Amino acid sequence: MEWLGIYQNAEVIIFFLSIAFFLSNFSVYLFSSVSKTATGASDRTLAIILKILTMKIYFIFLILLFLSCQKNTNRNKNNISTSKNENGLKKTSKVVNIAREKEFLDSIYNCENNEYISVLEEIPNRNSNAYKLTIISKKVKSKFTKILDTRPKMSQIDECNDLYTEVGFPCGGPCYSRVFVFTDKNRPIEQYDYVQEVKNNPKIIAHIKNEKFEKLIMHNFSNNKELTIDISNANFFNYGQMDSLIIKKNILFLYYISNQKKNIVKRINLKTIL
């Protein structure tokens, strides 16, 4: 846009030159008229005064012309500076977005705890068996890989601990499924739907089977024992999801909303599956 500033400067210069030319002609005409009629000392004095005024007018217009050009030059510099700042902000924003995207992808494809590192990789151009999960042991410096038949483009690591790595994916509507790959490489993969973790005990999960949302099944990974809990009074549209699951000693506390929109706390003894 520098040409615009040059064009604007040219317009200002032409304007001031036009005025100066007009005043010059006018002063010459006035000065010549006075000179022709100047017969006495007073008339000569008047002519000198007019000449001095003309020079002052020239001087003032030259100053105004200079200031105008300087102002336009500064404006052009400011415009260029603003444009550079905007471009810099756009580049910075782009870099930040790229960094955030990388951080997000790292969070859903990588997981690390005190004992293990889990890395999920998608295998291109596959409709099934589309992911490869690698679990690396920090202590013994060993690793193993499992191929997962999870949904392409939609799978991610939800949780990892010393017992398993949990990979989740949507399975249509409100359905979501979780695949559990255990740190014991010889243990078979297990899969459950509508999974919920117990906050203070990762070895026990809750899940729904065959979309029977009135029955919540507690599963203990340590011994594969299960306990079915009646939650028929829970809000159906929560699809069996509890607000919270907490174990204190042998007692499971279930927090959820009932069909009557009341807060419910149910206590269940888990002794039979512990």
C-alpha atoms as a PDB file:
ATOM      1  CA  MET A   1       0.000   0.000   0.000  1.00  0.00           C
ATOM      2  CA  GLU A   2       3.027   2.290  -0.255  1.00  0.00           C
ATOM      3  CA  TRP A   3       1.803   3.623  -3.645  1.00  0.00           C
ATOM      4  CA  LEU A   4      -1.295   4.984  -1.881  1.00  0.00           C
ATOM      5  CA  GLY A   5       0.834   7.067   0.482  1.00  0.00           C
ATOM      6  CA  ILE A   6       2.885   8.420  -2.461  1.00  0.00           C
ATOM      7  CA  TYR A   7      -0.316   9.287  -4.305  1.00  0.00           C
ATOM      8  CA  GLN A   8      -1.692  11.087  -1.265  1.00  0.00           C
ATOM      9  CA  ASN A   9       1.569  13.043  -0.863  1.00  0.00           C
ATOM     10  CA  ALA A  10       1.426  14.110  -4.522  1.00  0.00           C
ATOM     11  CA  GLU A  11      -2.130  15.371  -4.068  1.00  0.00           C
ATOM     12  CA  VAL A  12      -1.080  17.462  -1.040  1.00  0.00           C
ATOM     13  CA  ILE A  13       1.925  18.909  -2.865  1.00  0.00           C
ATOM     14  CA  ILE A  14      -0.150  19.869  -5.910  1.00  0.00           C
ATOM     15  CA  PHE A  15      -2.768  21.493  -3.663  1.00  0.00           C
ATOM     16  CA  PHE A  16      -0.228  23.635  -1.828  1.00  0.00           C
ATOM     17  CA  LEU A  17       1.655  24.527  -5.011  1.00  0.00           C
ATOM     18  CA  SER A  18      -1.604  25.666  -6.608  1.00  0.00           C
ATOM     19  CA  ILE A  19      -2.324  27.946  -3.660  1.00  0.00           C
ATOM     20  CA  ALA A  20       1.254  29.248  -3.662  1.00  0.00           C
ATOM     21  CA  PHE A  21       1.067  29.907  -7.415  1.00  0.00           C
ATOM     22  CA  PHE A  22      -2.195  31.797  -6.966  1.00  0.00           C
ATOM     23  CA  LEU A  23      -0.820  33.883  -4.098  1.00  0.00           C
ATOM     24  CA  SER A  24       2.382  34.530  -6.037  1.00  0.00           C
ATOM     25  CA  ASN A  25       0.462  35.872  -9.023  1.00  0.00           C
ATOM     26  CA  PHE A  26      -1.808  37.858  -6.778  1.00  0.00           C
ATOM     27  CA  SER A  27       1.107  39.372  -4.843  1.00  0.00           C
ATOM     28  CA  VAL A  28       2.956  40.224  -8.067  1.00  0.00           C
ATOM     29  CA  TYR A  29      -0.168  41.891  -9.398  1.00  0.00           C
ATOM     30  CA  LEU A  30      -0.688  43.771  -6.131  1.00  0.00           C
ATOM     31  CA  PHE A  31       2.974  44.696  -5.836  1.00  0.00           C
ATOM     32  CA  SER A  32       3.134  45.965  -9.425  1.00  0.00           C
ATOM     33  CA  SER A  33      -0.063  47.937  -8.937  1.00  0.00           C
ATOM     34  CA  VAL A  34       1.305  49.587  -5.828  1.00  0.00           C
ATOM     35  CA  SER A  35       4.645  50.214  -7.497  1.00  0.00           C
ATOM     36  CA  LYS A  36       2.959  51.997 -10.409  1.00  0.00           C
ATOM     37  CA  THR A  37       1.039  54.272  -8.095  1.00  0.00           C
ATOM     38  CA  ALA A  38       3.875  54.707  -5.583  1.00  0.00           C
ATOM     39  CA  THR A  39       4.735  58.383  -5.642  1.00  0.00           C
ATOM     40  CA  GLY A  40       5.634  59.038  -2.088  1.00  0.00           C
ATOM     41  CA  ALA A  41       7.502  57.512   0.813  1.00  0.00           C
ATOM     42  CA  SER A  42       4.319  56.060   2.301  1.00  0.00           C
ATOM     43  CA  ASP A  43       3.525  54.212  -0.922  1.00  0.00           C
ATOM     44  CA  ARG A  44       7.051  52.765  -1.104  1.00  0.00           C
ATOM     45  CA  THR A  45       6.729  51.643   2.503  1.00  0.00           C
ATOM     46  CA  LEU A  46       3.430  49.902   1.655  1.00  0.00           C
ATOM     47  CA  ALA A  47       5.102  48.115  -1.246  1.00  0.00           C
ATOM     48  CA  ILE A  48       7.914  46.863   1.023  1.00  0.00           C
ATOM     49  CA  ILE A  49       5.382  45.637   3.596  1.00  0.00           C
ATOM     50  CA  LEU A  50       3.461  43.719   0.905  1.00  0.00           C
ATOM     51  CA  LYS A  51       6.686  42.135  -0.301  1.00  0.00           C
ATOM     52  CA  ILE A  52       7.558  41.031   3.254  1.00  0.00           C
ATOM     53  CA  LEU A  53       4.052  39.609   3.729  1.00  0.00           C
ATOM     54  CA  THR A  54       4.367  37.685   0.481  1.00  0.00           C
ATOM     55  CA  MET A  55       7.637  36.136   1.646  1.00  0.00           C
ATOM     56  CA  LYS A  56       6.041  35.216   4.997  1.00  0.00           C
ATOM     57  CA  ILE A  57       3.132  33.564   3.188  1.00  0.00           C
ATOM     58  CA  TYR A  58       5.590  31.524   1.082  1.00  0.00           C
ATOM     59  CA  PHE A  59       7.468  30.525   4.202  1.00  0.00           C
ATOM     60  CA  ILE A  60       4.284  29.474   6.062  1.00  0.00           C
ATOM     61  CA  PHE A  61       3.077  27.345   3.131  1.00  0.00           C
ATOM     62  CA  LEU A  62       6.468  25.676   2.816  1.00  0.00           C
ATOM     63  CA  ILE A  63       6.278  24.739   6.514  1.00  0.00           C
ATOM     64  CA  LEU A  64       2.708  23.426   6.076  1.00  0.00           C
ATOM     65  CA  LEU A  65       3.779  21.462   3.016  1.00  0.00           C
ATOM     66  CA  PHE A  66       6.685  19.897   4.895  1.00  0.00           C
ATOM     67  CA  LEU A  67       4.503  18.977   7.898  1.00  0.00           C
ATOM     68  CA  SER A  68       1.864  17.432   5.657  1.00  0.00           C
ATOM     69  CA  CYS A  69       4.406  15.293   3.843  1.00  0.00           C
ATOM     70  CA  GLN A  70       5.980  14.281   7.151  1.00  0.00           C
ATOM     71  CA  LYS A  71       2.562  13.312   8.545  1.00  0.00           C
ATOM     72  CA  ASN A  72       1.762  11.154   5.514  1.00  0.00           C
ATOM     73  CA  THR A  73       5.206   9.551   5.711  1.00  0.00           C
ATOM     74  CA  ASN A  74       4.644   8.707   9.396  1.00  0.00           C
ATOM     75  CA  ARG A  75       1.188   7.366   8.565  1.00  0.00           C
ATOM     76  CA  ASN A  76       2.672   5.114   5.896  1.00  0.00           C
ATOM     77  CA  LYS A  77       5.309   3.908   8.346  1.00  0.00           C
ATOM     78  CA  ASN A  78       2.596   3.234  10.928  1.00  0.00           C
ATOM     79  CA  ASN A  79       0.537   1.351   8.337  1.00  0.00           C
ATOM     80  CA  ILE A  80       3.546  -0.749   7.385  1.00  0.00           C
ATOM     81  CA  SER A  81       4.331  -1.365  11.069  1.00  0.00           C
ATOM     82  CA  THR A  82       0.704  -2.313  11.795  1.00  0.00           C
ATOM     83  CA  SER A  83       0.668  -4.667   8.815  1.00  0.00           C
ATOM     84  CA  LYS A  84       3.880  -6.315  10.030  1.00  0.00           C
ATOM     85  CA  ASN A  85       2.425  -6.663  13.548  1.00  0.00           C
ATOM     86  CA  GLU A  86      -0.749  -8.245  12.172  1.00  0.00           C
ATOM     87  CA  ASN A  87       1.279 -10.688  10.093  1.00  0.00           C
ATOM     88  CA  GLY A  88       3.395 -11.458  13.159  1.00  0.00           C
ATOM     89  CA  LEU A  89       0.279 -12.101  15.256  1.00  0.00           C
ATOM     90  CA  LYS A  90      -1.138 -14.395  12.570  1.00  0.00           C
ATOM     91  CA  LYS A  91       2.096 -16.385  12.450  1.00  0.00           C
ATOM     92  CA  THR A  92       2.225 -16.584  16.255  1.00  0.00           C
ATOM     93  CA  SER A  93      -1.418 -17.708  16.397  1.00  0.00           C
ATOM     94  CA  LYS A  94      -0.727 -20.371  13.784  1.00  0.00           C
ATOM     95  CA  VAL A  95       2.274 -21.668  15.745  1.00  0.00           C
ATOM     96  CA  VAL A  96       0.205 -21.745  18.965  1.00  0.00           C
ATOM     97  CA  ASN A  97      -2.602 -23.661  17.217  1.00  0.00           C
ATOM     98  CA  ILE A  98      -0.122 -26.186  15.836  1.00  0.00           C
ATOM     99  CA  ALA A  99       1.400 -26.636  19.300  1.00  0.00           C
ATOM    100  CA  ARG A 100      -2.041 -27.099  20.867  1.00  0.00           C
ATOM    101  CA  GLU A 101      -3.033 -29.633  18.222  1.00  0.00           C
ATOM    102  CA  LYS A 102       0.191 -31.565  18.789  1.00  0.00           C
ATOM    103  CA  GLU A 103      -0.375 -31.465  22.562  1.00  0.00           C
ATOM    104  CA  PHE A 104      -3.935 -32.774  22.095  1.00  0.00           C
ATOM    105  CA  LEU A 105      -2.811 -35.579  19.766  1.00  0.00           C
ATOM    106  CA  ASP A 106      -0.058 -36.518  22.195  1.00  0.00           C
ATOM    107  CA  SER A 107      -2.605 -36.725  25.008  1.00  0.00           C
ATOM    108  CA  ILE A 108      -4.913 -39.142  23.141  1.00  0.00           C
ATOM    109  CA  TYR A 109      -2.216 -41.307  21.521  1.00  0.00           C
ATOM    110  CA  ASN A 110       0.339 -41.392  24.340  1.00  0.00           C
ATOM    111  CA  CYS A 111       0.051 -42.171  28.026  1.00  0.00           C
ATOM    112  CA  GLU A 112       2.659 -42.574  30.732  1.00  0.00           C
ATOM    113  CA  ASN A 113       2.704 -43.586  34.393  1.00  0.00           C
ATOM    114  CA  ASN A 114       5.361 -44.616  36.893  1.00  0.00           C
ATOM    115  CA  GLU A 115       5.802 -48.077  35.409  1.00  0.00           C
ATOM    116  CA  TYR A 116       4.798 -47.969  31.732  1.00  0.00           C
ATOM    117  CA  ILE A 117       4.566 -45.915  28.559  1.00  0.00           C
ATOM    118  CA  SER A 118       1.726 -46.626  26.126  1.00  0.00           C
ATOM    119  CA  VAL A 119       1.724 -45.487  22.503  1.00  0.00           C
ATOM    120  CA  LEU A 120      -1.272 -45.861  20.166  1.00  0.00           C
ATOM    121  CA  GLU A 121      -0.665 -45.748  16.402  1.00  0.00           C
ATOM    122  CA  GLU A 122      -3.218 -45.893  13.619  1.00  0.00           C
ATOM    123  CA  ILE A 123      -2.484 -48.257  10.735  1.00  0.00           C
ATOM    124  CA  PRO A 124      -3.457 -46.457   7.483  1.00  0.00           C
ATOM    125  CA  ASN A 125      -6.069 -47.712   5.002  1.00  0.00           C
ATOM    126  CA  ARG A 126      -7.670 -50.295   7.248  1.00  0.00           C
ATOM    127  CA  ASN A 127     -11.339 -50.805   8.083  1.00  0.00           C
ATOM    128  CA  SER A 128     -10.540 -53.282  10.856  1.00  0.00           C
ATOM    129  CA  ASN A 129      -7.526 -54.069  13.044  1.00  0.00           C
ATOM    130  CA  ALA A 130      -6.701 -50.417  12.447  1.00  0.00           C
ATOM    131  CA  TYR A 131      -4.603 -49.643  15.531  1.00  0.00           C
ATOM    132  CA  LYS A 132      -1.351 -50.812  17.046  1.00  0.00           C
ATOM    133  CA  LEU A 133      -0.761 -50.347  20.775  1.00  0.00           C
ATOM    134  CA  THR A 134       2.751 -50.592  22.185  1.00  0.00           C
ATOM    135  CA  ILE A 135       3.312 -50.884  25.940  1.00  0.00           C
ATOM    136  CA  ILE A 136       6.849 -50.180  27.151  1.00  0.00           C
ATOM    137  CA  SER A 137       8.096 -51.171  30.601  1.00  0.00           C
ATOM    138  CA  LYS A 138      10.348 -48.536  32.183  1.00  0.00           C
ATOM    139  CA  LYS A 139      11.933 -50.855  34.732  1.00  0.00           C
ATOM    140  CA  VAL A 140      12.852 -53.931  32.684  1.00  0.00           C
ATOM    141  CA  LYS A 141      13.326 -52.044  29.403  1.00  0.00           C
ATOM    142  CA  SER A 142      10.996 -54.324  27.460  1.00  0.00           C
ATOM    143  CA  LYS A 143       7.970 -53.761  25.256  1.00  0.00           C
ATOM    144  CA  PHE A 144       5.233 -55.607  23.408  1.00  0.00           C
ATOM    145  CA  THR A 145       2.644 -54.694  20.783  1.00  0.00           C
ATOM    146  CA  LYS A 146      -1.005 -55.637  20.312  1.00  0.00           C
ATOM    147  CA  ILE A 147      -3.171 -55.083  17.222  1.00  0.00           C
ATOM    148  CA  LEU A 148      -6.588 -53.650  18.172  1.00  0.00           C
ATOM    149  CA  ASP A 149      -9.822 -54.056  16.231  1.00  0.00           C
ATOM    150  CA  THR A 150     -11.176 -50.653  17.240  1.00  0.00           C
ATOM    151  CA  ARG A 151     -12.949 -48.012  15.178  1.00  0.00           C
ATOM    152  CA  PRO A 152     -10.678 -46.293  12.599  1.00  0.00           C
ATOM    153  CA  LYS A 153     -10.122 -42.534  12.978  1.00  0.00           C
ATOM    154  CA  MET A 154     -12.001 -42.493  16.298  1.00  0.00           C
ATOM    155  CA  SER A 155      -9.918 -44.422  18.825  1.00  0.00           C
ATOM    156  CA  GLN A 156      -7.828 -42.951  21.626  1.00  0.00           C
ATOM    157  CA  ILE A 157      -6.154 -43.788  24.913  1.00  0.00           C
ATOM    158  CA  ASP A 158      -8.456 -42.965  27.823  1.00  0.00           C
ATOM    159  CA  GLU A 159      -6.426 -44.307  30.725  1.00  0.00           C
ATOM    160  CA  CYS A 160      -3.233 -46.157  31.538  1.00  0.00           C
ATOM    161  CA  ASN A 161      -1.981 -47.559  34.833  1.00  0.00           C
ATOM    162  CA  ASP A 162       0.177 -50.379  36.155  1.00  0.00           C
ATOM    163  CA  LEU A 163      -2.516 -52.947  35.294  1.00  0.00           C
ATOM    164  CA  TYR A 164      -3.818 -51.949  31.860  1.00  0.00           C
ATOM    165  CA  THR A 165      -4.096 -49.391  29.069  1.00  0.00           C
ATOM    166  CA  GLU A 166      -7.647 -48.430  28.160  1.00  0.00           C
ATOM    167  CA  VAL A 167      -8.466 -47.546  24.535  1.00  0.00           C
ATOM    168  CA  GLY A 168     -11.916 -46.106  23.830  1.00  0.00           C
ATOM    169  CA  PHE A 169     -14.048 -45.411  20.769  1.00  0.00           C
ATOM    170  CA  PRO A 170     -17.708 -44.561  19.990  1.00  0.00           C
ATOM    171  CA  CYS A 171     -19.925 -47.380  18.798  1.00  0.00           C
ATOM    172  CA  GLY A 172     -23.048 -45.503  17.628  1.00  0.00           C
ATOM    173  CA  GLY A 173     -25.580 -43.235  19.362  1.00  0.00           C
ATOM    174  CA  PRO A 174     -24.834 -42.926  23.064  1.00  0.00           C
ATOM    175  CA  CYS A 175     -22.778 -46.116  22.934  1.00  0.00           C
ATOM    176  CA  TYR A 176     -19.075 -46.082  23.596  1.00  0.00           C
ATOM    177  CA  SER A 177     -16.770 -49.018  24.079  1.00  0.00           C
ATOM    178  CA  ARG A 178     -13.487 -49.605  25.907  1.00  0.00           C
ATOM    179  CA  VAL A 179     -10.748 -52.103  25.123  1.00  0.00           C
ATOM    180  CA  PHE A 180      -8.427 -53.091  27.984  1.00  0.00           C
ATOM    181  CA  VAL A 181      -4.900 -54.172  27.070  1.00  0.00           C
ATOM    182  CA  PHE A 182      -3.103 -55.499  30.132  1.00  0.00           C
ATOM    183  CA  THR A 183       0.519 -54.935  31.046  1.00  0.00           C
ATOM    184  CA  ASP A 184       0.771 -58.718  31.352  1.00  0.00           C
ATOM    185  CA  LYS A 185       1.317 -59.397  27.643  1.00  0.00           C
ATOM    186  CA  ASN A 186       0.019 -62.948  27.971  1.00  0.00           C
ATOM    187  CA  ARG A 187      -3.359 -61.842  29.280  1.00  0.00           C
ATOM    188  CA  PRO A 188      -6.096 -61.635  26.605  1.00  0.00           C
ATOM    189  CA  ILE A 189      -7.657 -58.293  25.668  1.00  0.00           C
ATOM    190  CA  GLU A 190     -11.040 -57.537  27.260  1.00  0.00           C
ATOM    191  CA  GLN A 191     -13.758 -55.222  25.939  1.00  0.00           C
ATOM    192  CA  TYR A 192     -16.765 -53.630  27.673  1.00  0.00           C
ATOM    193  CA  ASP A 193     -19.442 -51.057  26.764  1.00  0.00           C
ATOM    194  CA  TYR A 194     -20.590 -47.960  28.680  1.00  0.00           C
ATOM    195  CA  VAL A 195     -17.594 -48.264  30.964  1.00  0.00           C
ATOM    196  CA  GLN A 196     -17.140 -46.228  34.152  1.00  0.00           C
ATOM    197  CA  GLU A 197     -14.074 -46.271  36.361  1.00  0.00           C
ATOM    198  CA  VAL A 198     -14.192 -46.321  40.129  1.00  0.00           C
ATOM    199  CA  LYS A 199     -12.373 -43.159  41.186  1.00  0.00           C
ATOM    200  CA  ASN A 200     -10.109 -44.676  43.821  1.00  0.00           C
ATOM    201  CA  ASN A 201      -9.707 -48.236  42.519  1.00  0.00           C
ATOM    202  CA  PRO A 202      -8.730 -48.785  38.846  1.00  0.00           C
ATOM    203  CA  LYS A 203      -8.887 -52.547  39.294  1.00  0.00           C
ATOM    204  CA  ILE A 204     -12.694 -52.345  39.448  1.00  0.00           C
ATOM    205  CA  ILE A 205     -14.904 -50.910  36.697  1.00  0.00           C
ATOM    206  CA  ALA A 206     -18.635 -50.619  36.065  1.00  0.00           C
ATOM    207  CA  HIS A 207     -20.236 -51.393  32.709  1.00  0.00           C
ATOM    208  CA  ILE A 208     -23.551 -52.034  30.969  1.00  0.00           C
ATOM    209  CA  LYS A 209     -24.205 -55.256  29.079  1.00  0.00           C
ATOM    210  CA  ASN A 210     -26.535 -55.543  26.058  1.00  0.00           C
ATOM    211  CA  GLU A 211     -27.823 -52.006  26.766  1.00  0.00           C
ATOM    212  CA  LYS A 212     -29.777 -53.103  29.824  1.00  0.00           C
ATOM    213  CA  PHE A 213     -29.411 -49.737  31.530  1.00  0.00           C
ATOM    214  CA  GLU A 214     -31.299 -50.727  34.675  1.00  0.00           C
ATOM    215  CA  LYS A 215     -28.479 -53.118  35.591  1.00  0.00           C
ATOM    216  CA  LEU A 216     -25.005 -51.892  36.446  1.00  0.00           C
ATOM    217  CA  ILE A 217     -22.328 -54.593  36.425  1.00  0.00           C
ATOM    218  CA  MET A 218     -19.259 -54.238  38.643  1.00  0.00           C
ATOM    219  CA  HIS A 219     -16.199 -56.069  37.306  1.00  0.00           C
ATOM    220  CA  ASN A 220     -13.019 -56.835  39.244  1.00  0.00           C
ATOM    221  CA  PHE A 221      -9.991 -57.242  36.960  1.00  0.00           C
ATOM    222  CA  SER A 222      -8.001 -58.916  39.735  1.00  0.00           C
ATOM    223  CA  ASN A 223     -10.172 -62.048  39.783  1.00  0.00           C
ATOM    224  CA  ASN A 224     -12.709 -61.457  36.953  1.00  0.00           C
ATOM    225  CA  LYS A 225     -15.605 -61.633  39.423  1.00  0.00           C
ATOM    226  CA  GLU A 226     -18.737 -59.561  38.763  1.00  0.00           C
ATOM    227  CA  LEU A 227     -21.661 -58.169  40.722  1.00  0.00           C
ATOM    228  CA  THR A 228     -24.913 -56.874  39.186  1.00  0.00           C
ATOM    229  CA  ILE A 229     -26.574 -53.850  40.848  1.00  0.00           C
ATOM    230  CA  ASP A 230     -30.166 -52.730  40.319  1.00  0.00           C
ATOM    231  CA  ILE A 231     -30.291 -49.083  39.194  1.00  0.00           C
ATOM    232  CA  SER A 232     -33.799 -49.171  37.691  1.00  0.00           C
ATOM    233  CA  ASN A 233     -34.724 -45.972  39.571  1.00  0.00           C
ATOM    234  CA  ALA A 234     -31.930 -44.041  37.815  1.00  0.00           C
ATOM    235  CA  ASN A 235     -32.756 -41.532  35.087  1.00  0.00           C
ATOM    236  CA  PHE A 236     -33.039 -43.627  31.921  1.00  0.00           C
ATOM    237  CA  PHE A 237     -31.498 -40.939  29.724  1.00  0.00           C
ATOM    238  CA  ASN A 238     -28.248 -41.208  31.673  1.00  0.00           C
ATOM    239  CA  TYR A 239     -27.811 -44.613  30.019  1.00  0.00           C
ATOM    240  CA  GLY A 240     -26.584 -46.224  33.204  1.00  0.00           C
ATOM    241  CA  GLN A 241     -23.971 -43.577  33.903  1.00  0.00           C
ATOM    242  CA  MET A 242     -23.432 -42.722  37.542  1.00  0.00           C
ATOM    243  CA  ASP A 243     -22.344 -39.276  38.687  1.00  0.00           C
ATOM    244  CA  SER A 244     -19.625 -40.896  40.753  1.00  0.00           C
ATOM    245  CA  LEU A 245     -18.391 -44.299  41.942  1.00  0.00           C
ATOM    246  CA  ILE A 246     -16.240 -44.524  45.091  1.00  0.00           C
ATOM    247  CA  ILE A 247     -15.114 -47.476  47.191  1.00  0.00           C
ATOM    248  CA  LYS A 248     -14.538 -47.106  50.949  1.00  0.00           C
ATOM    249  CA  LYS A 249     -13.219 -50.322  52.481  1.00  0.00           C
ATOM    250  CA  ASN A 250     -15.631 -52.946  51.111  1.00  0.00           C
ATOM    251  CA  ILE A 251     -18.505 -50.549  50.410  1.00  0.00           C
ATOM    252  CA  LEU A 252     -19.253 -49.075  46.988  1.00  0.00           C
ATOM    253  CA  PHE A 253     -20.973 -45.687  46.979  1.00  0.00           C
ATOM    254  CA  LEU A 254     -23.035 -44.899  43.886  1.00  0.00           C
ATOM    255  CA  TYR A 255     -24.109 -41.300  43.321  1.00  0.00           C
ATOM    256  CA  TYR A 256     -26.750 -40.672  40.650  1.00  0.00           C
ATOM    257  CA  ILE A 257     -29.993 -38.860  39.709  1.00  0.00           C
ATOM    258  CA  SER A 258     -33.308 -40.733  39.931  1.00  0.00           C
ATOM    259  CA  ASN A 259     -36.249 -40.606  37.513  1.00  0.00           C
ATOM    260  CA  GLN A 260     -37.811 -38.109  39.925  1.00  0.00           C
ATOM    261  CA  LYS A 261     -34.656 -35.966  39.610  1.00  0.00           C
ATOM    262  CA  LYS A 262     -33.598 -36.637  43.169  1.00  0.00           C
ATOM    263  CA  ASN A 263     -30.023 -37.159  44.294  1.00  0.00           C
ATOM    264  CA  ILE A 264     -29.509 -40.803  45.234  1.00  0.00           C
ATOM    265  CA  VAL A 265     -26.656 -42.359  47.185  1.00  0.00           C
ATOM    266  CA  LYS A 266     -26.679 -46.159  47.094  1.00  0.00           C
ATOM    267  CA  ARG A 267     -24.347 -48.309  49.230  1.00  0.00           C
ATOM    268  CA  ILE A 268     -23.364 -51.756  48.008  1.00  0.00           C
ATOM    269  CA  ASN A 269     -21.179 -54.302  49.790  1.00  0.00           C
ATOM    270  CA  LEU A 270     -18.549 -55.608  47.340  1.00  0.00           C
ATOM    271  CA  LYS A 271     -17.290 -58.404  49.568  1.00  0.00           C
ATOM    272  CA  THR A 272     -18.397 -61.094  47.105  1.00  0.00           C
ATOM    273  CA  ILE A 273     -16.113 -59.836  44.332  1.00  0.00           C
ATOM    274  CA  LEU A 274     -13.135 -58.646  46.363  1.00  0.00           C
END
